[in-house]
Amino acid sequence: MSGAASEPVRRLVEFLGELGPRWGLPAEPCRVHAYLYLRARPAGEDELRAALALDETALKSALAWLREYGLVEPASGGAWRTGSDPWELMLRGLEERRRREAGPALALLRECRRLAEEQRREDPAVYAQIGKLLELAEDLTAIDGQARRLSPRALRQMLRLGGQAARLVDRTFGRRGDE
């Protein structure tokens, strides 16, 4: 990143650029999104290229990916902007990933379970393990479906309350040794 970005912006943008791929997200869109979020104002492509040391192709690709996921939108004068509410941004990104990934994952697991049924006698462990994965995916899909019935405000309040409860347990009983 160029010297134009402040130290906290530079460090957080780089951190999120490294973290994104661990979550299955491309690094450059994560960096661009982080920069736009932290600046909390629209930024033109020249500013983004300079601040993030990106060439035109990489920037255009990152912006296209972010736009496809509904995380950025064009602003006036050729600039780009993102939302300022991290909860809304997280939920929007999760919704898009759910839309793209949940159906194909369930279809594949169900097909593999069907195929493993045919060979169940020869390899019962594979059948059982696929069954466990399928059950997990179906449970997560059901939980997701119920969570989407809640308003974003209600979901935010529930998650905040859960976070507060977890921090209270940490303060009361201490953190687990494996963290």
N, C-alpha and C. Protein backbone atom coordinates (compact mmCIF):
# COMPACT_ATOMS: atom_id res chain seq x y z
N MET A 1 0.83 -1.17 0.00
CA MET A 1 0.00 0.00 0.00
C MET A 1 0.87 1.24 0.00
N SER A 2 0.44 2.27 -0.64
CA SER A 2 1.23 3.50 -0.69
C SER A 2 1.17 4.20 0.65
N GLY A 3 2.00 5.23 0.79
CA GLY A 3 2.03 6.00 2.02
C GLY A 3 0.81 6.86 2.22
N ALA A 4 -0.11 6.93 1.26
CA ALA A 4 -1.28 7.79 1.37
C ALA A 4 -2.23 7.33 2.47
N ALA A 5 -2.26 6.05 2.76
CA ALA A 5 -3.16 5.54 3.78
C ALA A 5 -2.48 5.61 5.14
N SER A 6 -3.26 5.94 6.16
CA SER A 6 -2.70 6.01 7.51
C SER A 6 -2.31 4.60 7.99
N GLU A 7 -1.50 4.56 9.02
CA GLU A 7 -1.02 3.28 9.56
C GLU A 7 -2.17 2.36 9.96
N PRO A 8 -3.18 2.84 10.72
CA PRO A 8 -4.25 1.90 11.08
C PRO A 8 -5.04 1.40 9.87
N VAL A 9 -5.26 2.26 8.89
CA VAL A 9 -5.96 1.84 7.67
C VAL A 9 -5.11 0.81 6.94
N ARG A 10 -3.86 1.09 6.75
CA ARG A 10 -2.96 0.19 6.04
C ARG A 10 -2.91 -1.18 6.71
N ARG A 11 -2.75 -1.18 8.02
CA ARG A 11 -2.62 -2.45 8.74
C ARG A 11 -3.91 -3.27 8.69
N LEU A 12 -5.04 -2.62 8.87
CA LEU A 12 -6.30 -3.36 8.86
C LEU A 12 -6.65 -3.85 7.46
N VAL A 13 -6.39 -3.04 6.44
CA VAL A 13 -6.63 -3.46 5.06
C VAL A 13 -5.78 -4.68 4.73
N GLU A 14 -4.52 -4.67 5.11
CA GLU A 14 -3.65 -5.82 4.84
C GLU A 14 -4.09 -7.05 5.61
N PHE A 15 -4.48 -6.86 6.87
CA PHE A 15 -4.96 -7.98 7.68
C PHE A 15 -6.18 -8.63 7.03
N LEU A 16 -7.16 -7.82 6.63
CA LEU A 16 -8.37 -8.37 6.02
C LEU A 16 -8.09 -8.98 4.65
N GLY A 17 -7.10 -8.44 3.94
CA GLY A 17 -6.68 -9.05 2.68
C GLY A 17 -6.07 -10.42 2.88
N GLU A 18 -5.41 -10.64 4.02
CA GLU A 18 -4.86 -11.96 4.33
C GLU A 18 -5.91 -12.89 4.93
N LEU A 19 -6.85 -12.32 5.67
CA LEU A 19 -7.89 -13.12 6.33
C LEU A 19 -8.92 -13.65 5.33
N GLY A 20 -9.28 -12.85 4.36
CA GLY A 20 -10.31 -13.23 3.39
C GLY A 20 -10.10 -14.61 2.78
N PRO A 21 -8.92 -14.90 2.24
CA PRO A 21 -8.71 -16.22 1.64
C PRO A 21 -8.88 -17.38 2.62
N ARG A 22 -8.62 -17.15 3.90
CA ARG A 22 -8.84 -18.21 4.88
C ARG A 22 -10.33 -18.54 4.99
N TRP A 23 -11.18 -17.60 4.63
CA TRP A 23 -12.63 -17.79 4.66
C TRP A 23 -13.19 -18.07 3.26
N GLY A 24 -12.31 -18.31 2.31
CA GLY A 24 -12.74 -18.61 0.96
C GLY A 24 -13.09 -17.39 0.13
N LEU A 25 -12.56 -16.23 0.50
CA LEU A 25 -12.83 -14.99 -0.23
C LEU A 25 -11.55 -14.51 -0.90
N PRO A 26 -11.67 -13.88 -2.06
CA PRO A 26 -10.46 -13.39 -2.72
C PRO A 26 -9.84 -12.20 -1.97
N ALA A 27 -8.53 -12.17 -1.94
CA ALA A 27 -7.80 -11.17 -1.15
C ALA A 27 -8.04 -9.74 -1.62
N GLU A 28 -7.92 -9.49 -2.92
CA GLU A 28 -8.00 -8.10 -3.40
C GLU A 28 -9.38 -7.48 -3.17
N PRO A 29 -10.48 -8.18 -3.44
CA PRO A 29 -11.76 -7.58 -3.08
C PRO A 29 -11.87 -7.29 -1.58
N CYS A 30 -11.30 -8.16 -0.75
CA CYS A 30 -11.34 -7.91 0.70
C CYS A 30 -10.58 -6.63 1.04
N ARG A 31 -9.44 -6.42 0.40
CA ARG A 31 -8.65 -5.22 0.66
C ARG A 31 -9.41 -3.96 0.19
N VAL A 32 -9.99 -4.02 -1.01
CA VAL A 32 -10.73 -2.87 -1.53
C VAL A 32 -11.92 -2.57 -0.64
N HIS A 33 -12.64 -3.61 -0.25
CA HIS A 33 -13.81 -3.41 0.59
C HIS A 33 -13.42 -2.82 1.94
N ALA A 34 -12.36 -3.34 2.52
CA ALA A 34 -11.89 -2.82 3.81
C ALA A 34 -11.53 -1.33 3.69
N TYR A 35 -10.84 -0.97 2.63
CA TYR A 35 -10.45 0.43 2.44
C TYR A 35 -11.69 1.32 2.33
N LEU A 36 -12.64 0.92 1.50
CA LEU A 36 -13.86 1.72 1.34
C LEU A 36 -14.64 1.82 2.65
N TYR A 37 -14.71 0.72 3.38
CA TYR A 37 -15.42 0.72 4.66
C TYR A 37 -14.75 1.67 5.65
N LEU A 38 -13.44 1.56 5.77
CA LEU A 38 -12.72 2.38 6.74
C LEU A 38 -12.76 3.86 6.39
N ARG A 39 -12.68 4.19 5.11
CA ARG A 39 -12.72 5.59 4.69
C ARG A 39 -14.11 6.19 4.89
N ALA A 40 -15.14 5.38 4.87
CA ALA A 40 -16.53 5.81 5.12
C ALA A 40 -16.98 6.94 4.20
N ARG A 41 -16.47 6.90 2.99
CA ARG A 41 -16.88 7.87 1.97
C ARG A 41 -16.54 7.27 0.62
N PRO A 42 -17.19 7.73 -0.45
CA PRO A 42 -16.85 7.20 -1.76
C PRO A 42 -15.39 7.49 -2.12
N ALA A 43 -14.81 6.59 -2.88
CA ALA A 43 -13.43 6.76 -3.34
C ALA A 43 -13.38 6.42 -4.82
N GLY A 44 -12.65 7.22 -5.56
CA GLY A 44 -12.48 6.99 -6.99
C GLY A 44 -11.46 5.89 -7.25
N GLU A 45 -11.46 5.40 -8.46
CA GLU A 45 -10.55 4.32 -8.81
C GLU A 45 -9.09 4.75 -8.73
N ASP A 46 -8.79 6.01 -9.05
CA ASP A 46 -7.40 6.48 -8.92
C ASP A 46 -6.94 6.41 -7.47
N GLU A 47 -7.80 6.85 -6.54
CA GLU A 47 -7.46 6.78 -5.12
C GLU A 47 -7.28 5.34 -4.67
N LEU A 48 -8.19 4.47 -5.09
CA LEU A 48 -8.09 3.06 -4.70
C LEU A 48 -6.82 2.42 -5.23
N ARG A 49 -6.50 2.68 -6.49
CA ARG A 49 -5.27 2.11 -7.08
C ARG A 49 -4.04 2.59 -6.32
N ALA A 50 -3.99 3.89 -6.02
CA ALA A 50 -2.83 4.44 -5.32
C ALA A 50 -2.73 3.93 -3.89
N ALA A 51 -3.85 3.94 -3.17
CA ALA A 51 -3.83 3.55 -1.76
C ALA A 51 -3.54 2.07 -1.59
N LEU A 52 -4.00 1.25 -2.54
CA LEU A 52 -3.87 -0.20 -2.39
C LEU A 52 -2.81 -0.81 -3.28
N ALA A 53 -2.11 0.03 -4.06
CA ALA A 53 -1.06 -0.42 -4.97
C ALA A 53 -1.58 -1.53 -5.90
N LEU A 54 -2.72 -1.26 -6.52
CA LEU A 54 -3.31 -2.21 -7.45
C LEU A 54 -3.22 -1.69 -8.87
N ASP A 55 -3.03 -2.60 -9.81
CA ASP A 55 -3.10 -2.16 -11.21
C ASP A 55 -4.58 -2.10 -11.62
N GLU A 56 -4.82 -1.52 -12.78
CA GLU A 56 -6.20 -1.29 -13.21
C GLU A 56 -7.00 -2.59 -13.35
N THR A 57 -6.37 -3.62 -13.88
CA THR A 57 -7.06 -4.90 -14.07
C THR A 57 -7.46 -5.51 -12.73
N ALA A 58 -6.55 -5.51 -11.76
CA ALA A 58 -6.84 -6.08 -10.45
C ALA A 58 -7.94 -5.29 -9.75
N LEU A 59 -7.90 -3.97 -9.85
CA LEU A 59 -8.92 -3.15 -9.22
C LEU A 59 -10.28 -3.39 -9.86
N LYS A 60 -10.33 -3.39 -11.18
CA LYS A 60 -11.61 -3.62 -11.88
C LYS A 60 -12.18 -4.99 -11.50
N SER A 61 -11.33 -5.99 -11.44
CA SER A 61 -11.78 -7.33 -11.06
C SER A 61 -12.32 -7.34 -9.63
N ALA A 62 -11.61 -6.70 -8.71
CA ALA A 62 -12.05 -6.64 -7.31
C ALA A 62 -13.39 -5.91 -7.19
N LEU A 63 -13.53 -4.78 -7.87
CA LEU A 63 -14.78 -4.03 -7.82
C LEU A 63 -15.93 -4.82 -8.43
N ALA A 64 -15.67 -5.53 -9.51
CA ALA A 64 -16.72 -6.34 -10.14
C ALA A 64 -17.19 -7.44 -9.18
N TRP A 65 -16.25 -8.09 -8.50
CA TRP A 65 -16.59 -9.13 -7.54
C TRP A 65 -17.43 -8.55 -6.41
N LEU A 66 -16.98 -7.42 -5.86
CA LEU A 66 -17.71 -6.78 -4.76
C LEU A 66 -19.10 -6.33 -5.19
N ARG A 67 -19.21 -5.82 -6.39
CA ARG A 67 -20.52 -5.37 -6.90
C ARG A 67 -21.44 -6.57 -7.08
N GLU A 68 -20.90 -7.66 -7.61
CA GLU A 68 -21.70 -8.87 -7.82
C GLU A 68 -22.26 -9.39 -6.49
N TYR A 69 -21.50 -9.24 -5.43
CA TYR A 69 -21.95 -9.67 -4.10
C TYR A 69 -22.77 -8.60 -3.39
N GLY A 70 -22.99 -7.47 -4.03
CA GLY A 70 -23.80 -6.41 -3.42
C GLY A 70 -23.11 -5.67 -2.30
N LEU A 71 -21.78 -5.68 -2.30
CA LEU A 71 -21.02 -5.06 -1.21
C LEU A 71 -20.52 -3.66 -1.54
N VAL A 72 -20.50 -3.30 -2.81
CA VAL A 72 -20.16 -1.93 -3.22
C VAL A 72 -21.14 -1.51 -4.30
N GLU A 73 -21.21 -0.19 -4.47
CA GLU A 73 -22.03 0.35 -5.55
C GLU A 73 -21.37 1.62 -6.07
N PRO A 74 -21.64 1.93 -7.32
CA PRO A 74 -21.06 3.16 -7.86
C PRO A 74 -21.66 4.38 -7.17
N ALA A 75 -20.84 5.38 -6.98
CA ALA A 75 -21.29 6.67 -6.44
C ALA A 75 -21.08 7.69 -7.55
N SER A 76 -21.39 8.90 -7.29
CA SER A 76 -21.25 9.93 -8.32
C SER A 76 -19.79 10.16 -8.68
N GLY A 77 -19.57 10.60 -9.91
CA GLY A 77 -18.23 10.94 -10.37
C GLY A 77 -17.30 9.76 -10.55
N GLY A 78 -17.82 8.56 -10.79
CA GLY A 78 -16.97 7.40 -11.00
C GLY A 78 -16.38 6.82 -9.73
N ALA A 79 -16.85 7.27 -8.58
CA ALA A 79 -16.35 6.75 -7.31
C ALA A 79 -17.16 5.51 -6.91
N TRP A 80 -16.67 4.83 -5.90
CA TRP A 80 -17.32 3.64 -5.36
C TRP A 80 -17.53 3.82 -3.87
N ARG A 81 -18.59 3.19 -3.35
CA ARG A 81 -18.86 3.27 -1.91
C ARG A 81 -19.39 1.94 -1.42
N THR A 82 -19.30 1.79 -0.11
CA THR A 82 -19.87 0.63 0.57
C THR A 82 -20.65 1.13 1.77
N GLY A 83 -21.38 0.26 2.39
CA GLY A 83 -22.15 0.64 3.57
C GLY A 83 -21.25 0.89 4.77
N SER A 84 -21.84 1.49 5.78
CA SER A 84 -21.07 1.81 6.99
C SER A 84 -21.43 0.91 8.16
N ASP A 85 -22.45 0.06 7.99
CA ASP A 85 -22.90 -0.82 9.07
C ASP A 85 -22.27 -2.20 8.86
N PRO A 86 -21.33 -2.61 9.71
CA PRO A 86 -20.67 -3.90 9.49
C PRO A 86 -21.63 -5.08 9.59
N TRP A 87 -22.67 -4.97 10.39
CA TRP A 87 -23.65 -6.05 10.49
C TRP A 87 -24.38 -6.23 9.17
N GLU A 88 -24.82 -5.13 8.58
CA GLU A 88 -25.52 -5.21 7.30
C GLU A 88 -24.61 -5.79 6.22
N LEU A 89 -23.37 -5.36 6.19
CA LEU A 89 -22.42 -5.87 5.20
C LEU A 89 -22.18 -7.37 5.39
N MET A 90 -22.03 -7.79 6.63
CA MET A 90 -21.81 -9.21 6.91
C MET A 90 -23.02 -10.03 6.46
N LEU A 91 -24.22 -9.57 6.81
CA LEU A 91 -25.43 -10.31 6.45
C LEU A 91 -25.62 -10.36 4.94
N ARG A 92 -25.31 -9.27 4.26
CA ARG A 92 -25.43 -9.24 2.80
C ARG A 92 -24.46 -10.25 2.17
N GLY A 93 -23.23 -10.26 2.65
CA GLY A 93 -22.25 -11.21 2.13
C GLY A 93 -22.63 -12.66 2.43
N LEU A 94 -23.12 -12.91 3.64
CA LEU A 94 -23.54 -14.27 3.99
C LEU A 94 -24.72 -14.72 3.15
N GLU A 95 -25.65 -13.82 2.91
CA GLU A 95 -26.82 -14.16 2.10
C GLU A 95 -26.39 -14.55 0.69
N GLU A 96 -25.46 -13.82 0.12
CA GLU A 96 -25.00 -14.13 -1.24
C GLU A 96 -24.27 -15.46 -1.26
N ARG A 97 -23.45 -15.72 -0.25
CA ARG A 97 -22.75 -17.01 -0.20
C ARG A 97 -23.75 -18.14 -0.02
N ARG A 98 -24.74 -17.95 0.83
CA ARG A 98 -25.77 -18.97 1.02
C ARG A 98 -26.47 -19.26 -0.30
N ARG A 99 -26.84 -18.20 -1.00
CA ARG A 99 -27.55 -18.35 -2.26
C ARG A 99 -26.73 -19.15 -3.27
N ARG A 100 -25.42 -18.91 -3.31
CA ARG A 100 -24.56 -19.55 -4.29
C ARG A 100 -24.08 -20.94 -3.87
N GLU A 101 -23.93 -21.19 -2.58
CA GLU A 101 -23.22 -22.38 -2.12
C GLU A 101 -24.08 -23.44 -1.45
N ALA A 102 -25.13 -23.05 -0.75
CA ALA A 102 -25.88 -24.03 0.04
C ALA A 102 -26.56 -25.09 -0.84
N GLY A 103 -27.25 -24.65 -1.87
CA GLY A 103 -27.94 -25.60 -2.75
C GLY A 103 -27.01 -26.61 -3.39
N PRO A 104 -25.95 -26.13 -4.05
CA PRO A 104 -25.01 -27.09 -4.66
C PRO A 104 -24.36 -28.04 -3.64
N ALA A 105 -24.05 -27.53 -2.45
CA ALA A 105 -23.44 -28.40 -1.43
C ALA A 105 -24.41 -29.49 -1.00
N LEU A 106 -25.66 -29.12 -0.74
CA LEU A 106 -26.65 -30.12 -0.34
C LEU A 106 -26.89 -31.14 -1.46
N ALA A 107 -26.97 -30.66 -2.69
CA ALA A 107 -27.19 -31.57 -3.82
C ALA A 107 -26.04 -32.57 -3.93
N LEU A 108 -24.81 -32.10 -3.81
CA LEU A 108 -23.66 -32.99 -3.90
C LEU A 108 -23.66 -34.01 -2.75
N LEU A 109 -23.90 -33.55 -1.54
CA LEU A 109 -23.92 -34.47 -0.40
C LEU A 109 -25.01 -35.53 -0.55
N ARG A 110 -26.18 -35.11 -1.02
CA ARG A 110 -27.27 -36.08 -1.20
C ARG A 110 -26.93 -37.10 -2.29
N GLU A 111 -26.32 -36.64 -3.36
CA GLU A 111 -25.93 -37.55 -4.44
C GLU A 111 -24.84 -38.51 -3.95
N CYS A 112 -23.87 -38.01 -3.22
CA CYS A 112 -22.81 -38.88 -2.69
C CYS A 112 -23.38 -39.88 -1.69
N ARG A 113 -24.33 -39.45 -0.91
CA ARG A 113 -24.98 -40.37 0.05
C ARG A 113 -25.71 -41.48 -0.72
N ARG A 114 -26.40 -41.11 -1.80
CA ARG A 114 -27.10 -42.09 -2.62
C ARG A 114 -26.11 -43.09 -3.21
N LEU A 115 -25.00 -42.57 -3.74
CA LEU A 115 -23.98 -43.45 -4.32
C LEU A 115 -23.34 -44.34 -3.26
N ALA A 116 -23.10 -43.77 -2.08
CA ALA A 116 -22.49 -44.55 -1.00
C ALA A 116 -23.45 -45.63 -0.50
N GLU A 117 -24.74 -45.40 -0.63
CA GLU A 117 -25.75 -46.40 -0.23
C GLU A 117 -25.55 -47.68 -1.03
N GLU A 118 -25.22 -47.52 -2.31
CA GLU A 118 -25.02 -48.67 -3.19
C GLU A 118 -23.81 -49.50 -2.77
N GLN A 119 -22.85 -48.90 -2.09
CA GLN A 119 -21.63 -49.60 -1.67
C GLN A 119 -21.53 -49.69 -0.15
N ARG A 120 -22.65 -49.55 0.50
CA ARG A 120 -22.69 -49.50 1.96
C ARG A 120 -22.09 -50.75 2.61
N ARG A 121 -22.33 -51.90 2.03
CA ARG A 121 -21.80 -53.15 2.62
C ARG A 121 -20.29 -53.21 2.54
N GLU A 122 -19.72 -52.72 1.42
CA GLU A 122 -18.28 -52.77 1.25
C GLU A 122 -17.56 -51.72 2.10
N ASP A 123 -18.20 -50.58 2.28
CA ASP A 123 -17.54 -49.48 3.01
C ASP A 123 -18.56 -48.69 3.84
N PRO A 124 -18.99 -49.28 4.95
CA PRO A 124 -20.01 -48.62 5.76
C PRO A 124 -19.54 -47.30 6.39
N ALA A 125 -18.24 -47.16 6.59
CA ALA A 125 -17.73 -45.93 7.21
C ALA A 125 -17.97 -44.72 6.31
N VAL A 126 -17.75 -44.88 5.00
CA VAL A 126 -17.96 -43.77 4.07
C VAL A 126 -19.42 -43.35 4.09
N TYR A 127 -20.30 -44.31 4.05
CA TYR A 127 -21.74 -44.02 4.10
C TYR A 127 -22.08 -43.24 5.37
N ALA A 128 -21.56 -43.68 6.49
CA ALA A 128 -21.84 -43.03 7.78
C ALA A 128 -21.26 -41.61 7.82
N GLN A 129 -20.04 -41.45 7.34
CA GLN A 129 -19.40 -40.13 7.39
C GLN A 129 -20.11 -39.13 6.48
N ILE A 130 -20.50 -39.58 5.28
CA ILE A 130 -21.26 -38.69 4.40
C ILE A 130 -22.59 -38.34 5.05
N GLY A 131 -23.21 -39.30 5.70
CA GLY A 131 -24.46 -39.04 6.41
C GLY A 131 -24.31 -37.96 7.47
N LYS A 132 -23.20 -38.01 8.20
CA LYS A 132 -22.95 -36.99 9.23
C LYS A 132 -22.79 -35.60 8.59
N LEU A 133 -22.03 -35.54 7.49
CA LEU A 133 -21.86 -34.25 6.80
C LEU A 133 -23.19 -33.73 6.27
N LEU A 134 -23.98 -34.62 5.69
CA LEU A 134 -25.28 -34.21 5.17
C LEU A 134 -26.18 -33.70 6.28
N GLU A 135 -26.18 -34.39 7.40
CA GLU A 135 -26.99 -33.95 8.54
C GLU A 135 -26.55 -32.57 9.03
N LEU A 136 -25.24 -32.37 9.13
CA LEU A 136 -24.72 -31.06 9.53
C LEU A 136 -25.17 -29.97 8.55
N ALA A 137 -25.00 -30.23 7.25
CA ALA A 137 -25.38 -29.23 6.25
C ALA A 137 -26.87 -28.95 6.29
N GLU A 138 -27.69 -29.97 6.49
CA GLU A 138 -29.14 -29.76 6.58
C GLU A 138 -29.50 -28.99 7.85
N ASP A 139 -28.83 -29.28 8.95
CA ASP A 139 -29.07 -28.53 10.19
C ASP A 139 -28.69 -27.06 10.03
N LEU A 140 -27.52 -26.81 9.44
CA LEU A 140 -27.09 -25.42 9.23
C LEU A 140 -28.03 -24.68 8.29
N THR A 141 -28.51 -25.37 7.28
CA THR A 141 -29.46 -24.76 6.35
C THR A 141 -30.78 -24.43 7.06
N ALA A 142 -31.23 -25.32 7.92
CA ALA A 142 -32.47 -25.08 8.67
C ALA A 142 -32.29 -23.90 9.63
N ILE A 143 -31.15 -23.85 10.32
CA ILE A 143 -30.88 -22.72 11.23
C ILE A 143 -30.84 -21.42 10.44
N ASP A 144 -30.15 -21.45 9.30
CA ASP A 144 -30.06 -20.27 8.44
C ASP A 144 -31.45 -19.82 8.00
N GLY A 145 -32.29 -20.76 7.61
CA GLY A 145 -33.64 -20.42 7.18
C GLY A 145 -34.44 -19.75 8.27
N GLN A 146 -34.30 -20.23 9.48
CA GLN A 146 -35.02 -19.61 10.60
C GLN A 146 -34.43 -18.23 10.93
N ALA A 147 -33.12 -18.11 10.87
CA ALA A 147 -32.48 -16.83 11.17
C ALA A 147 -32.90 -15.77 10.15
N ARG A 148 -33.08 -16.17 8.89
CA ARG A 148 -33.48 -15.21 7.86
C ARG A 148 -34.91 -14.73 8.04
N ARG A 149 -35.69 -15.44 8.84
CA ARG A 149 -37.05 -14.98 9.14
C ARG A 149 -37.03 -13.77 10.06
N LEU A 150 -35.94 -13.61 10.80
CA LEU A 150 -35.82 -12.48 11.73
C LEU A 150 -35.43 -11.22 10.96
N SER A 151 -35.81 -10.10 11.49
CA SER A 151 -35.36 -8.85 10.89
C SER A 151 -33.87 -8.70 11.18
N PRO A 152 -33.16 -7.94 10.35
CA PRO A 152 -31.74 -7.72 10.63
C PRO A 152 -31.52 -7.14 12.03
N ARG A 153 -32.41 -6.28 12.46
CA ARG A 153 -32.29 -5.67 13.80
C ARG A 153 -32.41 -6.74 14.88
N ALA A 154 -33.41 -7.62 14.77
CA ALA A 154 -33.60 -8.67 15.77
C ALA A 154 -32.42 -9.64 15.77
N LEU A 155 -31.92 -10.00 14.60
CA LEU A 155 -30.77 -10.89 14.51
C LEU A 155 -29.54 -10.25 15.15
N ARG A 156 -29.33 -8.98 14.87
CA ARG A 156 -28.21 -8.26 15.46
C ARG A 156 -28.32 -8.26 16.98
N GLN A 157 -29.50 -8.01 17.50
CA GLN A 157 -29.70 -7.97 18.95
C GLN A 157 -29.45 -9.35 19.57
N MET A 158 -29.92 -10.41 18.90
CA MET A 158 -29.69 -11.75 19.42
C MET A 158 -28.21 -12.10 19.44
N LEU A 159 -27.50 -11.78 18.35
CA LEU A 159 -26.08 -12.08 18.30
C LEU A 159 -25.30 -11.24 19.32
N ARG A 160 -25.68 -9.99 19.48
CA ARG A 160 -25.03 -9.15 20.50
C ARG A 160 -25.24 -9.72 21.88
N LEU A 161 -26.47 -10.13 22.17
CA LEU A 161 -26.78 -10.71 23.48
C LEU A 161 -25.96 -11.98 23.69
N GLY A 162 -25.86 -12.82 22.66
CA GLY A 162 -25.03 -14.02 22.77
C GLY A 162 -23.56 -13.68 23.01
N GLY A 163 -23.07 -12.65 22.33
CA GLY A 163 -21.68 -12.22 22.53
C GLY A 163 -21.45 -11.69 23.94
N GLN A 164 -22.41 -10.93 24.44
CA GLN A 164 -22.30 -10.42 25.81
C GLN A 164 -22.31 -11.57 26.81
N ALA A 165 -23.17 -12.54 26.58
CA ALA A 165 -23.23 -13.71 27.48
C ALA A 165 -21.91 -14.48 27.44
N ALA A 166 -21.35 -14.65 26.25
CA ALA A 166 -20.08 -15.38 26.13
C ALA A 166 -18.96 -14.64 26.86
N ARG A 167 -18.92 -13.31 26.73
CA ARG A 167 -17.88 -12.54 27.43
C ARG A 167 -18.08 -12.61 28.94
N LEU A 168 -19.33 -12.64 29.40
CA LEU A 168 -19.60 -12.78 30.83
C LEU A 168 -19.10 -14.14 31.33
N VAL A 169 -19.34 -15.19 30.58
CA VAL A 169 -18.84 -16.51 30.96
C VAL A 169 -17.32 -16.51 31.00
N ASP A 170 -16.68 -15.86 30.01
CA ASP A 170 -15.21 -15.76 30.00
C ASP A 170 -14.71 -15.04 31.25
N ARG A 171 -15.34 -13.93 31.60
CA ARG A 171 -14.90 -13.18 32.78
C ARG A 171 -15.14 -13.96 34.06
N THR A 172 -16.23 -14.72 34.11
CA THR A 172 -16.59 -15.46 35.32
C THR A 172 -15.76 -16.71 35.49
N PHE A 173 -15.62 -17.47 34.42
CA PHE A 173 -14.95 -18.77 34.51
C PHE A 173 -13.59 -18.81 33.85
N GLY A 174 -13.21 -17.74 33.18
CA GLY A 174 -11.95 -17.72 32.45
C GLY A 174 -12.13 -18.35 31.09
N ARG A 175 -11.18 -18.04 30.22
CA ARG A 175 -11.23 -18.62 28.87
C ARG A 175 -10.75 -20.04 28.89
N ARG A 176 -11.18 -20.81 27.91
CA ARG A 176 -10.70 -22.18 27.78
C ARG A 176 -9.22 -22.14 27.41
N GLY A 177 -8.50 -23.13 27.81
CA GLY A 177 -7.06 -23.19 27.58
C GLY A 177 -6.66 -23.30 26.13
N ASP A 178 -7.57 -23.72 25.23
CA ASP A 178 -7.19 -23.96 23.83
C ASP A 178 -7.37 -22.72 22.95
N GLU A 179 -7.66 -21.59 23.52
CA GLU A 179 -7.85 -20.37 22.71
C GLU A 179 -6.66 -19.46 22.78
